[in-house]
């Protein structure tokens, strides 16, 4: 009865097919990541925070919006740097076969909350992020007055020196939810 060196045979088969297998896996993973990225960008674009900052709706008192509450300069596009970060950073980083076998390691790059905070500085407070403010609750709503004023940074509202209402704004899950859903989507689709 002939004897076979099964471990050696497995290694030889793996060596012959690992590159083809790895390339096939890479193509599938790249397609899955692109689909997940498209869904993430759709969620970002349709999120009420993004919509409010882009002037597509107003979610605050008296027709006010986050753009003017946060104090962005008139004509600025605060969501655009964040959108570009999402577009360029969600990608397949590395697909490699392990030990020349048919096991494959996949690295998918997604932006961290630190990277998101870096790309979203508050216009009037260096070192702070407007995404952080939105997620933790934007202060100043009680002193927020919607009015045209030459002293308004945004051109839509001003901040009074004292309290004018009891309004307050709690945190809104924004990028933490969008990135969390992206991770769930990737985990489910790449299985």
Protein backbone atom coordinates (compact mmCIF):
# COMPACT_ATOMS: atom_id res chain seq x y z
CA UNK A 1 0.00 0.00 0.00
CA UNK A 2 1.53 3.31 -1.06
CA UNK A 3 2.20 5.96 1.56
CA UNK A 4 1.54 9.62 0.94
CA UNK A 5 3.16 12.57 2.59
CA UNK A 6 -0.14 14.39 3.25
CA UNK A 7 1.39 17.48 4.90
CA UNK A 8 3.81 17.84 1.98
CA UNK A 9 1.03 17.29 -0.55
CA UNK A 10 -1.11 19.92 1.15
CA UNK A 11 1.78 22.40 1.10
CA UNK A 12 2.42 21.77 -2.60
CA UNK A 13 -1.26 22.21 -3.53
CA UNK A 14 -1.48 25.33 -1.39
CA UNK A 15 1.66 26.76 -3.00
CA UNK A 16 0.27 26.17 -6.51
CA UNK A 17 -3.16 27.61 -5.82
CA UNK A 18 -2.58 30.22 -3.10
CA UNK A 19 -1.89 33.13 -5.49
CA UNK A 20 -5.00 32.37 -7.58
CA UNK A 21 -7.08 31.87 -4.44
CA UNK A 22 -5.74 35.06 -2.83
CA UNK A 23 -6.48 37.09 -5.97
CA UNK A 24 -10.00 35.66 -6.12
CA UNK A 25 -10.58 36.52 -2.46
CA UNK A 26 -9.18 40.05 -3.00
CA UNK A 27 -11.59 40.69 -5.90
CA UNK A 28 -14.58 39.49 -3.88
CA UNK A 29 -13.58 41.47 -0.80
CA UNK A 30 -12.99 44.63 -2.86
CA UNK A 31 -16.50 44.32 -4.36
CA UNK A 32 -18.01 43.78 -0.90
CA UNK A 33 -16.08 46.73 0.56
CA UNK A 34 -17.18 49.01 -2.32
CA UNK A 35 -20.83 48.06 -1.75
CA UNK A 36 -20.52 48.65 2.00
CA UNK A 37 -18.78 51.98 1.32
CA UNK A 38 -21.63 53.05 -1.00
CA UNK A 39 -24.19 52.20 1.70
CA UNK A 40 -22.13 54.08 4.31
CA UNK A 41 -21.90 57.17 2.06
CA UNK A 42 -25.66 57.02 1.42
CA UNK A 43 -26.24 56.90 5.20
CA UNK A 44 -23.84 59.84 5.67
CA UNK A 45 -25.47 61.91 2.91
CA UNK A 46 -29.02 61.28 4.17
CA UNK A 47 -28.26 61.70 7.90
CA UNK A 48 -30.14 64.63 9.44
CA UNK A 49 -26.88 66.15 10.74
CA UNK A 50 -25.26 66.13 7.29
CA UNK A 51 -28.48 67.46 5.73
CA UNK A 52 -28.73 70.23 8.33
CA UNK A 53 -25.08 71.28 7.91
CA UNK A 54 -25.55 71.39 4.12
CA UNK A 55 -28.65 73.58 4.41
CA UNK A 56 -31.02 70.91 3.09
CA UNK A 57 -33.29 71.11 6.14
CA UNK A 58 -33.55 72.93 9.44
CA UNK A 59 -33.93 70.95 12.64
CA UNK A 60 -33.62 73.73 15.20
CA UNK A 61 -35.92 76.37 16.65
CA UNK A 62 -37.24 79.20 14.45
CA UNK A 63 -35.79 77.72 11.25
CA UNK A 64 -32.26 77.62 12.62
CA UNK A 65 -29.75 74.94 11.75
CA UNK A 66 -26.61 73.27 13.04
CA UNK A 67 -24.49 75.21 10.56
CA UNK A 68 -25.34 78.52 12.23
CA UNK A 69 -25.51 77.11 15.78
CA UNK A 70 -21.99 75.70 15.52
CA UNK A 71 -20.82 78.95 13.93
CA UNK A 72 -19.41 77.98 10.54
CA UNK A 73 -18.37 80.73 8.16
CA UNK A 74 -20.95 81.60 5.54
CA UNK A 75 -20.15 79.68 2.33
CA UNK A 76 -18.02 77.02 4.04
CA UNK A 77 -18.75 73.33 3.49
CA UNK A 78 -17.96 71.56 6.78
CA UNK A 79 -19.16 68.14 5.63
CA UNK A 80 -17.00 68.04 2.49
CA UNK A 81 -13.65 67.26 4.20
CA UNK A 82 -15.38 64.52 6.17
CA UNK A 83 -17.00 63.09 3.02
CA UNK A 84 -13.61 63.04 1.26
CA UNK A 85 -12.03 61.25 4.26
CA UNK A 86 -14.73 58.58 4.08
CA UNK A 87 -14.28 58.16 0.32
CA UNK A 88 -10.51 57.82 0.39
CA UNK A 89 -10.05 55.84 3.59
CA UNK A 90 -12.55 52.98 3.30
CA UNK A 91 -10.65 50.41 1.24
CA UNK A 92 -9.05 46.99 1.22
CA UNK A 93 -5.62 47.50 2.68
CA UNK A 94 -4.01 44.10 2.35
CA UNK A 95 -4.94 40.57 1.42
CA UNK A 96 -2.22 37.98 2.04
CA UNK A 97 -2.08 34.22 2.18
CA UNK A 98 -0.88 32.85 5.49
CA UNK A 99 2.13 30.51 5.48
CA UNK A 100 1.74 29.81 1.77
CA UNK A 101 -1.50 28.04 2.57
CA UNK A 102 -5.10 28.58 1.60
CA UNK A 103 -5.83 30.74 4.63
CA UNK A 104 -6.07 34.43 3.83
CA UNK A 105 -5.65 37.48 6.06
CA UNK A 106 -7.65 40.56 5.05
CA UNK A 107 -7.02 44.11 6.27
CA UNK A 108 -9.76 46.67 5.55
CA UNK A 109 -9.01 50.31 6.30
CA UNK A 110 -11.73 52.47 7.84
CA UNK A 111 -11.34 55.90 9.43
CA UNK A 112 -10.95 56.03 13.19
CA UNK A 113 -12.86 58.53 15.32
CA UNK A 114 -9.50 60.29 15.90
CA UNK A 115 -9.05 60.74 12.13
CA UNK A 116 -12.63 61.98 11.84
CA UNK A 117 -12.08 64.49 14.65
CA UNK A 118 -8.88 65.71 12.96
CA UNK A 119 -10.78 66.43 9.73
CA UNK A 120 -13.65 68.25 11.48
CA UNK A 121 -12.22 71.14 13.50
CA UNK A 122 -14.57 73.64 15.10
CA UNK A 123 -14.17 76.94 13.26
CA UNK A 124 -13.68 78.93 16.45
CA UNK A 125 -11.95 76.47 18.82
CA UNK A 126 -8.74 74.81 17.72
CA UNK A 127 -8.23 71.27 18.95
CA UNK A 128 -11.97 70.58 19.14
CA UNK A 129 -14.13 68.76 16.60
CA UNK A 130 -17.63 69.67 15.44
CA UNK A 131 -18.41 65.92 15.12
CA UNK A 132 -17.53 65.56 18.81
CA UNK A 133 -19.79 68.51 19.64
CA UNK A 134 -22.70 66.98 17.71
CA UNK A 135 -22.18 63.57 19.34
CA UNK A 136 -21.90 65.01 22.87
CA UNK A 137 -24.42 67.87 22.56
CA UNK A 138 -23.84 71.29 21.05
CA UNK A 139 -23.88 73.99 23.70
CA UNK A 140 -25.30 77.46 23.25
CA UNK A 141 -28.81 76.68 22.01
CA UNK A 142 -30.27 78.70 24.90
CA UNK A 143 -28.39 81.79 23.62
CA UNK A 144 -29.06 81.12 19.92
CA UNK A 145 -31.07 83.73 18.00
CA UNK A 146 -31.98 83.20 14.34
CA UNK A 147 -31.54 86.58 12.64
CA UNK A 148 -29.68 88.24 9.80
CA UNK A 149 -26.81 90.20 11.27
CA UNK A 150 -23.56 91.61 9.90
CA UNK A 151 -21.79 90.24 12.97
CA UNK A 152 -23.00 86.69 12.27
CA UNK A 153 -20.28 84.29 11.16
CA UNK A 154 -22.80 82.10 9.34
CA UNK A 155 -25.04 84.94 8.16
CA UNK A 156 -28.08 83.24 9.73
CA UNK A 157 -27.89 83.61 13.50
CA UNK A 158 -26.11 85.20 16.43
CA UNK A 159 -25.28 84.13 19.95
CA UNK A 160 -26.71 86.36 22.69
CA UNK A 161 -24.58 87.21 25.70
CA UNK A 162 -27.22 85.84 28.05
CA UNK A 163 -29.78 83.06 28.04
CA UNK A 164 -32.83 83.77 25.81
CA UNK A 165 -34.53 80.37 26.10
CA UNK A 166 -34.38 77.11 28.03
CA UNK A 167 -33.67 75.14 24.85
CA UNK A 168 -30.86 72.63 24.92
CA UNK A 169 -29.52 70.03 22.55
CA UNK A 170 -28.43 66.58 23.61
CA UNK A 171 -25.96 64.49 21.70
CA UNK A 172 -26.85 62.89 18.37
CA UNK A 173 -25.28 59.61 17.30
CA UNK A 174 -23.71 60.59 14.01
CA UNK A 175 -20.34 59.33 12.84
CA UNK A 176 -20.05 56.78 15.65
CA UNK A 177 -23.26 55.16 14.38
CA UNK A 178 -22.31 55.47 10.69
CA UNK A 179 -18.87 53.89 11.28
CA UNK A 180 -20.36 51.27 13.63
CA UNK A 181 -22.89 50.29 10.95
CA UNK A 182 -20.10 50.15 8.36
CA UNK A 183 -18.15 47.71 10.54
CA UNK A 184 -21.27 45.53 11.01
CA UNK A 185 -21.97 45.66 7.27
CA UNK A 186 -18.38 44.69 6.40
CA UNK A 187 -18.34 41.89 8.95
CA UNK A 188 -21.58 40.47 7.59
CA UNK A 189 -20.72 40.83 3.88
CA UNK A 190 -17.12 39.56 4.00
CA UNK A 191 -17.91 36.28 5.85
